[in-house]
Protein backbone atom coordinates (compact mmCIF):
# COMPACT_ATOMS: atom_id res chain seq x y z
CA MET A 1 4.43 179.68 69.20
CA ILE A 2 3.07 182.43 67.00
CA LYS A 3 3.30 183.34 63.19
CA GLY A 4 3.35 186.85 61.30
CA LYS A 5 1.37 187.05 58.34
CA HIS A 6 1.29 189.74 55.63
CA LEU A 7 -0.71 188.79 52.77
CA ASN A 8 -1.35 185.34 53.22
CA LYS A 9 2.75 185.00 53.20
CA THR A 10 4.79 184.19 56.95
CA PHE A 11 7.22 186.56 57.53
CA TYR A 12 8.45 185.29 60.88
CA VAL A 13 7.71 182.76 63.52
CA LYS A 14 8.32 183.33 67.65
CA GLY A 15 8.42 181.39 69.68
CA SER A 16 9.53 180.72 73.77
CA HIS A 17 10.91 178.32 76.31
CA GLU A 18 11.66 179.42 79.53
CA GLU A 19 13.09 182.95 79.85
CA TYR A 20 14.33 183.37 76.07
CA THR A 21 12.10 184.14 73.05
CA PHE A 22 13.17 183.25 69.38
CA ILE A 23 12.08 185.00 66.52
CA ILE A 24 12.77 183.60 62.93
CA SER A 25 12.34 186.10 60.29
CA LYS A 26 12.97 186.88 56.80
CA MET A 27 12.86 189.67 54.20
CA PRO A 28 13.28 190.16 50.93
CA LYS A 29 16.92 190.41 49.86
CA PHE A 30 18.97 193.38 48.79
CA ALA A 31 19.47 194.25 45.29
CA TRP A 32 23.37 194.44 45.30
CA MET A 33 23.61 190.87 47.08
CA LYS A 34 25.05 188.84 44.43
CA HIS A 35 26.13 185.64 46.59
CA THR A 36 22.93 183.86 46.52
CA ASP A 37 19.91 183.11 44.17
CA SER A 38 17.15 183.31 46.97
CA LYS A 39 14.70 186.07 47.17
CA TYR A 40 15.30 186.06 50.54
CA MET A 41 16.94 186.69 53.49
CA TYR A 42 16.78 184.84 57.26
CA PHE A 43 17.11 186.02 60.59
CA LEU A 44 17.23 184.46 63.99
CA TYR A 45 17.35 186.51 67.18
CA ILE A 46 17.47 185.12 70.42
CA VAL A 47 16.03 187.22 73.51
CA ARG A 48 16.15 186.91 76.98
CA SER A 49 13.54 187.96 79.45
CA VAL A 50 14.89 189.13 83.17
CA GLU A 51 12.55 190.23 85.94
CA ASN A 52 14.54 192.69 88.50
CA PHE A 53 13.27 194.33 91.90
CA VAL A 54 14.16 198.05 91.64
CA ASP A 55 12.86 200.01 94.70
CA LYS A 56 10.32 197.42 95.52
CA LYS A 57 8.89 197.02 92.44
CA LYS A 58 9.42 194.32 89.64
CA GLN A 59 10.63 195.50 86.37
CA LYS A 60 11.10 193.07 83.28
CA GLU A 61 14.12 193.74 80.91
CA GLU A 62 14.56 192.38 77.85
CA TYR A 63 18.43 191.64 76.45
CA LEU A 64 19.47 190.54 72.96
CA CYS A 65 21.56 187.47 73.17
CA PHE A 66 22.12 186.20 70.16
CA HIS A 67 21.57 187.20 66.67
CA LYS A 68 22.87 185.71 63.13
CA VAL A 69 21.87 186.28 59.50
CA TYR A 70 21.04 183.75 57.28
CA PHE A 71 21.38 184.22 53.32
CA ASP A 72 19.05 181.78 52.52
CA PHE A 73 16.41 179.16 53.39
CA GLY A 74 19.08 176.03 53.86
CA GLU A 75 21.89 177.99 55.48
CA LEU A 76 19.35 179.17 57.96
CA ILE A 77 17.69 174.74 58.48
CA ARG A 78 21.66 173.71 58.46
CA GLY A 79 23.00 176.40 60.97
CA ILE A 80 20.00 177.04 63.00
CA LEU A 81 19.87 173.62 65.28
CA PRO A 82 23.32 174.10 67.00
CA VAL A 83 22.46 177.68 67.74
CA LEU A 84 19.04 176.45 69.78
CA ARG A 85 20.47 173.56 71.25
CA GLU A 86 22.45 175.85 73.43
CA TYR A 87 19.08 177.23 74.78
CA ILE A 88 16.47 174.56 74.12
CA LEU A 89 16.89 171.05 75.81
CA ASP A 90 13.69 169.63 75.31
CA ASN A 91 13.49 167.91 72.21
CA VAL A 92 9.72 168.28 71.58
CA LYS A 93 9.58 171.98 72.22
CA LEU A 94 12.92 172.09 69.66
CA PHE A 95 11.02 170.08 67.19
CA LYS A 96 8.09 172.66 67.32
CA LEU A 97 9.91 175.51 67.02
CA LEU A 98 12.01 173.94 63.79
CA SER A 99 8.70 172.89 61.87
CA LEU A 100 7.11 176.47 62.47
CA CYS A 101 10.24 177.37 60.43
CA GLU A 102 9.20 175.57 57.61
CA GLN A 103 6.06 177.99 57.04
CA LEU A 104 9.39 180.67 56.18
CA LYS A 105 10.15 178.68 53.36
CA GLU A 106 9.03 179.85 50.05
CA PRO A 107 7.79 176.50 47.51
CA ASN A 108 10.29 177.13 45.00
CA GLU A 109 13.29 177.05 47.81
CA ASP A 110 14.44 173.51 48.32
CA PRO A 111 17.60 173.13 50.47
CA LEU A 112 17.97 169.56 50.19
CA HIS A 113 17.23 169.37 46.26
CA VAL A 114 20.12 172.11 45.68
CA THR A 115 22.72 170.36 48.28
CA ALA A 116 21.93 167.19 46.52
CA SER A 117 22.12 168.64 43.02
CA GLY A 118 25.10 171.11 43.58
CA GLU A 119 23.56 174.23 42.18
């Protein structure tokens, strides 16, 4: 499991399980998006690596299996678990990847507060 940083901010985390690579990233929200107060958009990419033999040479190919955009951190956390469950059956590895997602959260974003207070 790794994470990408720029100026002391984490912009993506990356983990792998078997032949799958999971990349969860964030980027600043587009100015024209008015339906959320979040400063960032979050992305989930799942890539599958497959090794094939072509002309007696081993080649590694990667395929995008899944991608989704989440418009705030709360939506990411609520929606990512069912998706990851399709690819990761080991609860310990699943928990580690979800823990990495917490590093993407901005200090002022609290999805539980927003859900409980109705804001």
